[in-house]
PDB file of N, CA and C in Angstrom:
ATOM      1  N   MET A   1      48.598 156.822  98.723  1.00  0.00           N
ATOM      2  CA  MET A   1      48.234 158.198  98.031  1.00  0.00           C
ATOM      3  C   MET A   1      46.531 157.623  98.248  1.00  0.00           C
ATOM      4  N   SER A   2      46.362 159.620  98.853  1.00  0.00           N
ATOM      5  CA  SER A   2      45.134 159.011  99.601  1.00  0.00           C
ATOM      6  C   SER A   2      43.303 158.628  97.990  1.00  0.00           C
ATOM      7  N   GLU A   3      42.735 158.129  98.739  1.00  0.00           N
ATOM      8  CA  GLU A   3      41.375 158.060  98.121  1.00  0.00           C
ATOM      9  C   GLU A   3      40.537 159.307  97.818  1.00  0.00           C
ATOM     10  N   THR A   4      40.625 160.588  98.301  1.00  0.00           N
ATOM     11  CA  THR A   4      39.954 161.086  97.767  1.00  0.00           C
ATOM     12  C   THR A   4      40.420 161.065  95.809  1.00  0.00           C
ATOM     13  N   LEU A   5      41.722 161.216  95.810  1.00  0.00           N
ATOM     14  CA  LEU A   5      42.626 161.536  94.829  1.00  0.00           C
ATOM     15  C   LEU A   5      42.349 160.854  93.467  1.00  0.00           C
ATOM     16  N   ILE A   6      42.899 159.197  94.316  1.00  0.00           N
ATOM     17  CA  ILE A   6      42.884 158.296  93.549  1.00  0.00           C
ATOM     18  C   ILE A   6      41.124 158.278  92.478  1.00  0.00           C
ATOM     19  N   ILE A   7      40.600 158.469  93.442  1.00  0.00           N
ATOM     20  CA  ILE A   7      38.849 158.699  92.910  1.00  0.00           C
ATOM     21  C   ILE A   7      38.465 160.297  91.806  1.00  0.00           C
ATOM     22  N   ILE A   8      39.703 160.737  91.667  1.00  0.00           N
ATOM     23  CA  ILE A   8      39.358 161.985  91.140  1.00  0.00           C
ATOM     24  C   ILE A   8      40.237 161.187  90.075  1.00  0.00           C
ATOM     25  N   LEU A   9      41.801 161.008  90.035  1.00  0.00           N
ATOM     26  CA  LEU A   9      41.773 160.397  88.920  1.00  0.00           C
ATOM     27  C   LEU A   9      41.388 159.129  87.753  1.00  0.00           C
ATOM     28  N   ALA A  10      40.644 158.818  88.224  1.00  0.00           N
ATOM     29  CA  ALA A  10      39.610 157.559  88.038  1.00  0.00           C
ATOM     30  C   ALA A  10      38.499 158.606  87.094  1.00  0.00           C
ATOM     31  N   LEU A  11      38.073 159.860  87.544  1.00  0.00           N
ATOM     32  CA  LEU A  11      37.290 160.363  87.208  1.00  0.00           C
ATOM     33  C   LEU A  11      37.773 161.233  85.687  1.00  0.00           C
ATOM     34  N   LEU A  12      38.538 161.324  85.878  1.00  0.00           N
ATOM     35  CA  LEU A  12      39.684 162.346  84.824  1.00  0.00           C
ATOM     36  C   LEU A  12      39.669 160.921  83.921  1.00  0.00           C
ATOM     37  N   THR A  13      40.398 159.893  83.855  1.00  0.00           N
ATOM     38  CA  THR A  13      40.007 158.947  83.182  1.00  0.00           C
ATOM     39  C   THR A  13      39.996 158.856  82.436  1.00  0.00           C
ATOM     40  N   GLY A  14      38.876 158.909  83.094  1.00  0.00           N
ATOM     41  CA  GLY A  14      37.284 157.864  82.672  1.00  0.00           C
ATOM     42  C   GLY A  14      36.718 159.702  81.037  1.00  0.00           C
ATOM     43  N   VAL A  15      37.222 160.663  81.014  1.00  0.00           N
ATOM     44  CA  VAL A  15      37.269 161.289  80.467  1.00  0.00           C
ATOM     45  C   VAL A  15      37.470 161.604  79.696  1.00  0.00           C
ATOM     46  N   LEU A  16      39.357 160.599  79.770  1.00  0.00           N
ATOM     47  CA  LEU A  16      39.701 160.602  78.762  1.00  0.00           C
ATOM     48  C   LEU A  16      39.685 159.799  77.196  1.00  0.00           C
ATOM     49  N   LEU A  17      38.994 158.555  78.724  1.00  0.00           N
ATOM     50  CA  LEU A  17      38.838 157.612  77.888  1.00  0.00           C
ATOM     51  C   LEU A  17      37.109 157.496  77.144  1.00  0.00           C
ATOM     52  N   GLY A  18      36.519 158.365  77.031  1.00  0.00           N
ATOM     53  CA  GLY A  18      35.826 158.769  76.804  1.00  0.00           C
ATOM     54  C   GLY A  18      35.840 159.792  75.304  1.00  0.00           C
ATOM     55  N   THR A  19      36.795 160.897  76.153  1.00  0.00           N
ATOM     56  CA  THR A  19      37.736 161.606  74.727  1.00  0.00           C
ATOM     57  C   THR A  19      37.407 161.453  73.640  1.00  0.00           C
ATOM     58  N   ILE A  20      37.912 160.135  74.014  1.00  0.00           N
ATOM     59  CA  ILE A  20      39.015 159.233  72.291  1.00  0.00           C
ATOM     60  C   ILE A  20      38.323 158.534  72.273  1.00  0.00           C
ATOM     61  N   PHE A  21      37.207 157.794  73.121  1.00  0.00           N
ATOM     62  CA  PHE A  21      36.107 156.672  72.145  1.00  0.00           C
ATOM     63  C   PHE A  21      35.082 157.941  71.144  1.00  0.00           C
ATOM     64  N   PHE A  22      33.986 158.849  72.037  1.00  0.00           N
ATOM     65  CA  PHE A  22      33.923 159.802  70.589  1.00  0.00           C
ATOM     66  C   PHE A  22      33.626 160.126  70.160  1.00  0.00           C
ATOM     67  N   GLY A  23      34.834 160.834  70.771  1.00  0.00           N
ATOM     68  CA  GLY A  23      35.749 161.856  69.236  1.00  0.00           C
ATOM     69  C   GLY A  23      36.668 161.288  68.647  1.00  0.00           C
ATOM     70  N   GLY A  24      36.999 159.051  68.483  1.00  0.00           N
ATOM     71  CA  GLY A  24      37.121 158.363  67.832  1.00  0.00           C
ATOM     72  C   GLY A  24      36.096 158.016  66.665  1.00  0.00           C
ATOM     73  N   LEU A  25      34.813 157.898  67.337  1.00  0.00           N
ATOM     74  CA  LEU A  25      33.909 158.467  66.340  1.00  0.00           C
ATOM     75  C   LEU A  25      33.383 159.169  65.275  1.00  0.00           C
ATOM     76  N   TRP A  26      34.271 160.468  65.906  1.00  0.00           N
ATOM     77  CA  TRP A  26      32.945 161.876  65.182  1.00  0.00           C
ATOM     78  C   TRP A  26      34.272 161.308  64.363  1.00  0.00           C
ATOM     79  N   TRP A  27      35.835 160.935  64.619  1.00  0.00           N
ATOM     80  CA  TRP A  27      36.371 161.359  63.607  1.00  0.00           C
ATOM     81  C   TRP A  27      36.233 159.980  62.324  1.00  0.00           C
ATOM     82  N   THR A  28      36.207 159.226  62.394  1.00  0.00           N
ATOM     83  CA  THR A  28      35.487 158.036  61.801  1.00  0.00           C
ATOM     84  C   THR A  28      34.177 158.724  61.225  1.00  0.00           C
ATOM     85  N   ILE A  29      33.693 158.712  61.742  1.00  0.00           N
ATOM     86  CA  ILE A  29      32.202 158.787  60.663  1.00  0.00           C
ATOM     87  C   ILE A  29      32.975 160.743  59.805  1.00  0.00           C
ATOM     88  N   GLN A  30      33.685 161.352  59.669  1.00  0.00           N
ATOM     89  CA  GLN A  30      33.680 162.049  59.028  1.00  0.00           C
ATOM     90  C   GLN A  30      34.497 161.459  57.737  1.00  0.00           C
ATOM     91  N   ARG A  31      35.544 160.521  57.538  1.00  0.00           N
ATOM     92  CA  ARG A  31      36.772 160.513  56.831  1.00  0.00           C
ATOM     93  C   ARG A  31      35.579 158.641  56.567  1.00  0.00           C
ATOM     94  N   GLY A  32      34.143 158.190  57.207  1.00  0.00           N
ATOM     95  CA  GLY A  32      34.816 156.951  56.045  1.00  0.00           C
ATOM     96  C   GLY A  32      33.351 157.058  55.510  1.00  0.00           C
ATOM     97  N   VAL A  33      32.472 158.219  55.314  1.00  0.00           N
ATOM     98  CA  VAL A  33      31.405 159.404  54.505  1.00  0.00           C
ATOM     99  C   VAL A  33      32.320 159.381  52.756  1.00  0.00           C
ATOM    100  N   SER A  34      33.666 160.073  53.575  1.00  0.00           N
ATOM    101  CA  SER A  34      34.340 159.636  52.055  1.00  0.00           C
ATOM    102  C   SER A  34      35.092 158.646  51.694  1.00  0.00           C
ATOM    103  N   SER A  35      35.251 157.362  52.271  1.00  0.00           N
ATOM    104  CA  SER A  35      36.627 156.509  52.206  1.00  0.00           C
ATOM    105  C   SER A  35      35.880 155.160  51.191  1.00  0.00           C
ATOM    106  N   LYS A  36      37.062 154.313  50.417  1.00  0.00           N
ATOM    107  CA  LYS A  36      37.203 153.410  50.035  1.00  0.00           C
ATOM    108  C   LYS A  36      36.287 152.555  49.785  1.00  0.00           C
ATOM    109  N   SER A  37      37.117 152.455  51.116  1.00  0.00           N
ATOM    110  CA  SER A  37      36.287 151.222  51.988  1.00  0.00           C
ATOM    111  C   SER A  37      36.030 151.735  53.783  1.00  0.00           C
ATOM    112  N   PRO A  38      34.564 151.866  53.812  1.00  0.00           N
ATOM    113  CA  PRO A  38      34.393 152.328  54.482  1.00  0.00           C
ATOM    114  C   PRO A  38      33.881 150.759  55.707  1.00  0.00           C
ATOM    115  N   ALA A  39      33.507 150.723  55.167  1.00  0.00           N
ATOM    116  CA  ALA A  39      33.627 149.001  56.545  1.00  0.00           C
ATOM    117  C   ALA A  39      34.812 148.511  57.110  1.00  0.00           C
ATOM    118  N   VAL A  40      35.447 148.485  56.293  1.00  0.00           N
ATOM    119  CA  VAL A  40      37.224 148.192  57.353  1.00  0.00           C
ATOM    120  C   VAL A  40      37.684 149.510  57.879  1.00  0.00           C
ATOM    121  N   LEU A  41      37.302 150.615  57.862  1.00  0.00           N
ATOM    122  CA  LEU A  41      37.768 151.226  58.593  1.00  0.00           C
ATOM    123  C   LEU A  41      36.589 151.722  59.836  1.00  0.00           C
ATOM    124  N   PHE A  42      35.813 151.578  59.480  1.00  0.00           N
ATOM    125  CA  PHE A  42      34.684 151.541  60.471  1.00  0.00           C
ATOM    126  C   PHE A  42      34.770 150.388  61.720  1.00  0.00           C
ATOM    127  N   SER A  43      34.758 149.215  61.257  1.00  0.00           N
ATOM    128  CA  SER A  43      35.720 147.944  61.770  1.00  0.00           C
ATOM    129  C   SER A  43      36.736 148.014  62.627  1.00  0.00           C
ATOM    130  N   ALA A  44      37.433 148.673  62.178  1.00  0.00           N
ATOM    131  CA  ALA A  44      38.651 148.935  62.231  1.00  0.00           C
ATOM    132  C   ALA A  44      39.082 150.049  63.739  1.00  0.00           C
ATOM    133  N   SER A  45      38.031 150.610  63.316  1.00  0.00           N
ATOM    134  CA  SER A  45      38.426 152.103  64.271  1.00  0.00           C
ATOM    135  C   SER A  45      37.064 151.279  65.894  1.00  0.00           C
ATOM    136  N   LEU A  46      36.619 150.976  65.677  1.00  0.00           N
ATOM    137  CA  LEU A  46      35.206 149.856  66.711  1.00  0.00           C
ATOM    138  C   LEU A  46      36.381 149.193  66.931  1.00  0.00           C
ATOM    139  N   ALA A  47      36.656 148.180  67.073  1.00  0.00           N
ATOM    140  CA  ALA A  47      38.018 146.984  67.000  1.00  0.00           C
ATOM    141  C   ALA A  47      38.666 148.891  68.380  1.00  0.00           C
ATOM    142  N   LEU A  48      39.591 149.027  68.086  1.00  0.00           N
ATOM    143  CA  LEU A  48      40.579 150.046  68.410  1.00  0.00           C
ATOM    144  C   LEU A  48      40.073 150.134  69.161  1.00  0.00           C
ATOM    145  N   ARG A  49      38.901 151.229  69.060  1.00  0.00           N
ATOM    146  CA  ARG A  49      38.112 152.181  70.508  1.00  0.00           C
ATOM    147  C   ARG A  49      37.850 150.982  71.638  1.00  0.00           C
ATOM    148  N   ILE A  50      37.072 150.726  71.705  1.00  0.00           N
ATOM    149  CA  ILE A  50      36.767 149.076  72.710  1.00  0.00           C
ATOM    150  C   ILE A  50      38.136 148.109  73.117  1.00  0.00           C
ATOM    151  N   ILE A  51      39.485 148.603  72.259  1.00  0.00           N
ATOM    152  CA  ILE A  51      40.079 148.006  72.584  1.00  0.00           C
ATOM    153  C   ILE A  51      40.681 148.647  74.085  1.00  0.00           C
ATOM    154  N   ILE A  52      40.620 149.727  73.730  1.00  0.00           N
ATOM    155  CA  ILE A  52      41.613 151.419  73.643  1.00  0.00           C
ATOM    156  C   ILE A  52      40.248 151.223  75.790  1.00  0.00           C
ATOM    157  N   ALA A  53      39.180 151.668  75.456  1.00  0.00           N
ATOM    158  CA  ALA A  53      37.748 151.804  76.500  1.00  0.00           C
ATOM    159  C   ALA A  53      37.912 150.310  77.401  1.00  0.00           C
ATOM    160  N   ILE A  54      37.781 149.447  76.880  1.00  0.00           N
ATOM    161  CA  ILE A  54      37.692 148.024  77.905  1.00  0.00           C
ATOM    162  C   ILE A  54      39.543 148.344  78.776  1.00  0.00           C
ATOM    163  N   ALA A  55      40.303 148.373  78.255  1.00  0.00           N
ATOM    164  CA  ALA A  55      41.517 148.764  79.192  1.00  0.00           C
ATOM    165  C   ALA A  55      41.905 149.129  80.510  1.00  0.00           C
ATOM    166  N   GLY A  56      41.615 151.023  79.377  1.00  0.00           N
ATOM    167  CA  GLY A  56      41.608 151.904  80.590  1.00  0.00           C
ATOM    168  C   GLY A  56      41.328 151.317  81.442  1.00  0.00           C
ATOM    169  N   PHE A  57      40.023 151.317  81.137  1.00  0.00           N
ATOM    170  CA  PHE A  57      38.873 150.676  82.355  1.00  0.00           C
ATOM    171  C   PHE A  57      39.232 149.114  83.456  1.00  0.00           C
ATOM    172  N   TYR A  58      40.312 148.292  82.828  1.00  0.00           N
ATOM    173  CA  TYR A  58      40.839 147.795  83.285  1.00  0.00           C
ATOM    174  C   TYR A  58      41.949 147.851  84.379  1.00  0.00           C
ATOM    175  N   PHE A  59      42.233 149.166  83.717  1.00  0.00           N
ATOM    176  CA  PHE A  59      43.479 149.152  84.285  1.00  0.00           C
ATOM    177  C   PHE A  59      43.033 150.060  86.040  1.00  0.00           C
ATOM    178  N   VAL A  60      42.112 151.144  85.926  1.00  0.00           N
ATOM    179  CA  VAL A  60      41.952 152.164  86.435  1.00  0.00           C
ATOM    180  C   VAL A  60      41.362 151.684  87.261  1.00  0.00           C
ATOM    181  N   SER A  61      40.225 150.079  87.855  1.00  0.00           N
ATOM    182  CA  SER A  61      39.254 150.253  88.466  1.00  0.00           C
ATOM    183  C   SER A  61      39.924 148.888  89.283  1.00  0.00           C
ATOM    184  N   HIS A  62      41.092 148.401  89.003  1.00  0.00           N
ATOM    185  CA  HIS A  62      42.282 147.857  90.051  1.00  0.00           C
ATOM    186  C   HIS A  62      41.229 146.680  90.763  1.00  0.00           C
ATOM    187  N   GLY A  63      40.172 146.013  90.264  1.00  0.00           N
ATOM    188  CA  GLY A  63      38.959 145.875  90.294  1.00  0.00           C
ATOM    189  C   GLY A  63      38.150 146.015  92.129  1.00  0.00           C
ATOM    190  N   ASP A  64      38.348 147.926  92.387  1.00  0.00           N
ATOM    191  CA  ASP A  64      37.463 147.695  92.934  1.00  0.00           C
ATOM    192  C   ASP A  64      36.362 148.435  92.750  1.00  0.00           C
ATOM    193  N   TRP A  65      35.156 149.222  92.464  1.00  0.00           N
ATOM    194  CA  TRP A  65      33.731 148.676  92.129  1.00  0.00           C
ATOM    195  C   TRP A  65      33.787 150.417  92.056  1.00  0.00           C
ATOM    196  N   ARG A  66      33.531 151.009  92.822  1.00  0.00           N
ATOM    197  CA  ARG A  66      34.237 152.889  93.109  1.00  0.00           C
ATOM    198  C   ARG A  66      34.493 153.059  91.953  1.00  0.00           C
ATOM    199  N   ARG A  67      36.701 153.040  91.724  1.00  0.00           N
ATOM    200  CA  ARG A  67      36.465 153.165  91.017  1.00  0.00           C
ATOM    201  C   ARG A  67      36.526 153.026  89.155  1.00  0.00           C
ATOM    202  N   LEU A  68      35.742 152.211  89.388  1.00  0.00           N
ATOM    203  CA  LEU A  68      35.493 151.306  87.809  1.00  0.00           C
ATOM    204  C   LEU A  68      33.849 152.477  87.484  1.00  0.00           C
ATOM    205  N   LEU A  69      33.086 151.843  88.603  1.00  0.00           N
ATOM    206  CA  LEU A  69      32.421 153.633  88.583  1.00  0.00           C
ATOM    207  C   LEU A  69      32.363 154.671  88.406  1.00  0.00           C
ATOM    208  N   THR A  70      33.296 155.203  88.957  1.00  0.00           N
ATOM    209  CA  THR A  70      33.803 156.588  88.898  1.00  0.00           C
ATOM    210  C   THR A  70      34.248 157.133  87.308  1.00  0.00           C
ATOM    211  N   CYS A  71      35.302 155.458  87.069  1.00  0.00           N
ATOM    212  CA  CYS A  71      35.898 156.079  85.141  1.00  0.00           C
ATOM    213  C   CYS A  71      34.262 155.882  84.326  1.00  0.00           C
ATOM    214  N   LEU A  72      33.019 154.844  84.670  1.00  0.00           N
ATOM    215  CA  LEU A  72      32.508 155.234  83.884  1.00  0.00           C
ATOM    216  C   LEU A  72      31.584 156.502  84.258  1.00  0.00           C
ATOM    217  N   LEU A  73      31.565 157.486  85.428  1.00  0.00           N
ATOM    218  CA  LEU A  73      30.284 158.347  85.505  1.00  0.00           C
ATOM    219  C   LEU A  73      31.563 159.779  84.405  1.00  0.00           C
ATOM    220  N   GLY A  74      33.088 159.382  84.708  1.00  0.00           N
ATOM    221  CA  GLY A  74      34.339 160.235  83.615  1.00  0.00           C
ATOM    222  C   GLY A  74      33.559 159.697  82.006  1.00  0.00           C
ATOM    223  N   PHE A  75      33.436 158.822  81.186  1.00  0.00           N
ATOM    224  CA  PHE A  75      33.360 158.446  80.221  1.00  0.00           C
ATOM    225  C   PHE A  75      31.732 158.886  79.874  1.00  0.00           C
ATOM    226  N   LEU A  76      30.584 158.607  81.230  1.00  0.00           N
ATOM    227  CA  LEU A  76      29.723 159.490  80.462  1.00  0.00           C
ATOM    228  C   LEU A  76      29.090 160.476  80.038  1.00  0.00           C
ATOM    229  N   LEU A  77      30.791 161.415  81.099  1.00  0.00           N
ATOM    230  CA  LEU A  77      30.842 163.140  81.365  1.00  0.00           C
ATOM    231  C   LEU A  77      31.524 163.661  79.978  1.00  0.00           C
ATOM    232  N   ALA A  78      31.953 162.656  79.312  1.00  0.00           N
ATOM    233  CA  ALA A  78      32.754 162.736  77.788  1.00  0.00           C
ATOM    234  C   ALA A  78      31.804 162.590  76.661  1.00  0.00           C
ATOM    235  N   ARG A  79      31.534 161.909  77.283  1.00  0.00           N
ATOM    236  CA  ARG A  79      29.809 161.712  76.428  1.00  0.00           C
ATOM    237  C   ARG A  79      28.794 162.605  76.145  1.00  0.00           C
ATOM    238  N   ILE A  80      28.575 163.034  76.809  1.00  0.00           N
ATOM    239  CA  ILE A  80      27.472 164.573  76.306  1.00  0.00           C
ATOM    240  C   ILE A  80      28.988 166.055  75.898  1.00  0.00           C
ATOM    241  N   PHE A  81      29.949 166.119  76.018  1.00  0.00           N
ATOM    242  CA  PHE A  81      30.729 166.672  76.138  1.00  0.00           C
ATOM    243  C   PHE A  81      30.865 166.786  74.578  1.00  0.00           C
ATOM    244  N   VAL A  82      32.015 165.696  74.269  1.00  0.00           N
ATOM    245  CA  VAL A  82      31.985 165.458  72.987  1.00  0.00           C
ATOM    246  C   VAL A  82      30.847 165.350  71.939  1.00  0.00           C
ATOM    247  N   THR A  83      29.546 165.383  72.164  1.00  0.00           N
ATOM    248  CA  THR A  83      27.920 164.768  71.986  1.00  0.00           C
ATOM    249  C   THR A  83      27.667 167.047  71.299  1.00  0.00           C
ATOM    250  N   ARG A  84      27.942 167.091  72.357  1.00  0.00           N
ATOM    251  CA  ARG A  84      27.113 168.915  72.124  1.00  0.00           C
ATOM    252  C   ARG A  84      28.362 169.056  71.536  1.00  0.00           C
ATOM    253  N   LEU A  85      29.433 169.345  71.949  1.00  0.00           N
ATOM    254  CA  LEU A  85      30.424 169.609  70.222  1.00  0.00           C
ATOM    255  C   LEU A  85      30.600 169.149  68.981  1.00  0.00           C
ATOM    256  N   THR A  86      29.667 168.287  69.069  1.00  0.00           N
ATOM    257  CA  THR A  86      30.134 167.576  67.962  1.00  0.00           C
ATOM    258  C   THR A  86      28.270 168.468  67.075  1.00  0.00           C
ATOM    259  N   VAL A  87      27.616 168.272  67.820  1.00  0.00           N
ATOM    260  CA  VAL A  87      26.041 169.766  67.545  1.00  0.00           C
ATOM    261  C   VAL A  87      26.739 170.531  66.476  1.00  0.00           C
ATOM    262  N   ALA A  88      27.212 171.363  68.028  1.00  0.00           N
ATOM    263  CA  ALA A  88      27.432 172.989  67.435  1.00  0.00           C
ATOM    264  C   ALA A  88      28.348 172.574  66.125  1.00  0.00           C
ATOM    265  N   GLN A  89      28.466 171.487  65.863  1.00  0.00           N
ATOM    266  CA  GLN A  89      29.388 171.716  64.860  1.00  0.00           C
ATOM    267  C   GLN A  89      29.263 171.344  63.447  1.00  0.00           C
ATOM    268  N   LEU A  90      28.311 170.818  63.501  1.00  0.00           N
ATOM    269  CA  LEU A  90      27.098 170.554  62.441  1.00  0.00           C
ATOM    270  C   LEU A  90      25.730 171.726  62.033  1.00  0.00           C
ATOM    271  N   ARG A  91      25.578 172.326  63.707  1.00  0.00           N
ATOM    272  CA  ARG A  91      24.723 173.815  63.333  1.00  0.00           C
ATOM    273  C   ARG A  91      25.332 174.666  62.273  1.00  0.00           C
ATOM    274  N   ASN A  92      26.770 175.207  62.818  1.00  0.00           N
ATOM    275  CA  ASN A  92      27.613 176.097  61.854  1.00  0.00           C
ATOM    276  C   ASN A  92      27.970 175.619  60.437  1.00  0.00           C
ATOM    277  N   ILE A  93      27.951 174.364  60.299  1.00  0.00           N
ATOM    278  CA  ILE A  93      28.157 173.842  58.986  1.00  0.00           C
ATOM    279  C   ILE A  93      26.733 174.043  58.116  1.00  0.00           C
ATOM    280  N   ARG A  94      26.293 173.202  58.944  1.00  0.00           N
ATOM    281  CA  ARG A  94      24.328 174.211  58.033  1.00  0.00           C
ATOM    282  C   ARG A  94      24.319 174.890  56.913  1.00  0.00           C
ATOM    283  N   ILE A  95      24.504 175.918  58.334  1.00  0.00           N
ATOM    284  CA  ILE A  95      24.104 177.292  58.235  1.00  0.00           C
ATOM    285  C   ILE A  95      25.092 178.437  57.465  1.00  0.00           C
ATOM    286  N   GLU A  96      26.485 177.050  57.427  1.00  0.00           N
ATOM    287  CA  GLU A  96      27.480 177.718  55.865  1.00  0.00           C
ATOM    288  C   GLU A  96      26.898 177.330  54.102  1.00  0.00           C
ATOM    289  N   GLN A  97      26.764 175.657  54.729  1.00  0.00           N
ATOM    290  CA  GLN A  97      25.820 175.959  53.560  1.00  0.00           C
ATOM    291  C   GLN A  97      24.456 176.284  52.960  1.00  0.00           C
ATOM    292  N   ALA A  98      23.673 176.680  53.794  1.00  0.00           N
ATOM    293  CA  ALA A  98      22.687 177.896  53.629  1.00  0.00           C
ATOM    294  C   ALA A  98      23.560 179.338  53.361  1.00  0.00           C
ATOM    295  N   ALA A  99      23.989 179.499  53.655  1.00  0.00           N
ATOM    296  CA  ALA A  99      24.319 180.991  53.364  1.00  0.00           C
ATOM    297  C   ALA A  99      25.307 180.869  52.047  1.00  0.00           C
ATOM    298  N   ARG A 100      25.754 179.406  51.576  1.00  0.00           N
ATOM    299  CA  ARG A 100      26.875 179.519  49.881  1.00  0.00           C
ATOM    300  C   ARG A 100      25.498 179.326  48.911  1.00  0.00           C
ATOM    301  N   ILE A 101      24.416 178.426  49.426  1.00  0.00           N
ATOM    302  CA  ILE A 101      23.229 178.429  48.774  1.00  0.00           C
ATOM    303  C   ILE A 101      22.660 179.637  47.978  1.00  0.00           C
ATOM    304  N   THR A 102      22.127 180.719  49.520  1.00  0.00           N
ATOM    305  CA  THR A 102      21.611 181.315  49.824  1.00  0.00           C
ATOM    306  C   THR A 102      21.836 182.323  48.089  1.00  0.00           C
ATOM    307  N   GLU A 103      23.327 182.606  48.591  1.00  0.00           N
ATOM    308  CA  GLU A 103      24.901 183.060  47.663  1.00  0.00           C
ATOM    309  C   GLU A 103      24.770 182.823  46.133  1.00  0.00           C
ATOM    310  N   ALA A 104      23.753 181.687  45.611  1.00  0.00           N
ATOM    311  CA  ALA A 104      24.115 181.390  44.532  1.00  0.00           C
ATOM    312  C   ALA A 104      22.701 181.543  44.082  1.00  0.00           C
ATOM    313  N   GLY A 105      21.752 182.001  44.771  1.00  0.00           N
ATOM    314  CA  GLY A 105      20.459 181.978  44.784  1.00  0.00           C
ATOM    315  C   GLY A 105      19.922 181.070  43.776  1.00  0.00           C
ATOM    316  N   GLY A 106      19.991 179.439  44.947  1.00  0.00           N
ATOM    317  CA  GLY A 106      19.279 178.680  45.088  1.00  0.00           C
ATOM    318  C   GLY A 106      18.113 179.408  45.978  1.00  0.00           C
ATOM    319  N   LEU A 107      17.929 180.060  46.514  1.00  0.00           N
ATOM    320  CA  LEU A 107      16.307 179.242  47.514  1.00  0.00           C
ATOM    321  C   LEU A 107      15.832 181.040  46.934  1.00  0.00           C
TER     322      LEU A 107
END
């Protein structure tokens, strides 16, 4: 396999790992707010997300710092993407809540 293809695959794997990590964090926050035992949920989620991320970085890098750095770049790109997606989702939720309050005559 050519080095360029390996680097591209490392970047894509980093994006996947970041999406799993930060998407899992978003999922945990949404579920943890109404959970009966949020401490257990948050702890288990953190442990699972860290294990997946570290194992992914380990297998992608194969001891090559360039692969590791490229995978980390993909991970950070996924963080930006997931953050923008969740902020947009929060804006939509707030707009819907404001509309419901206005319809009910609350404001």
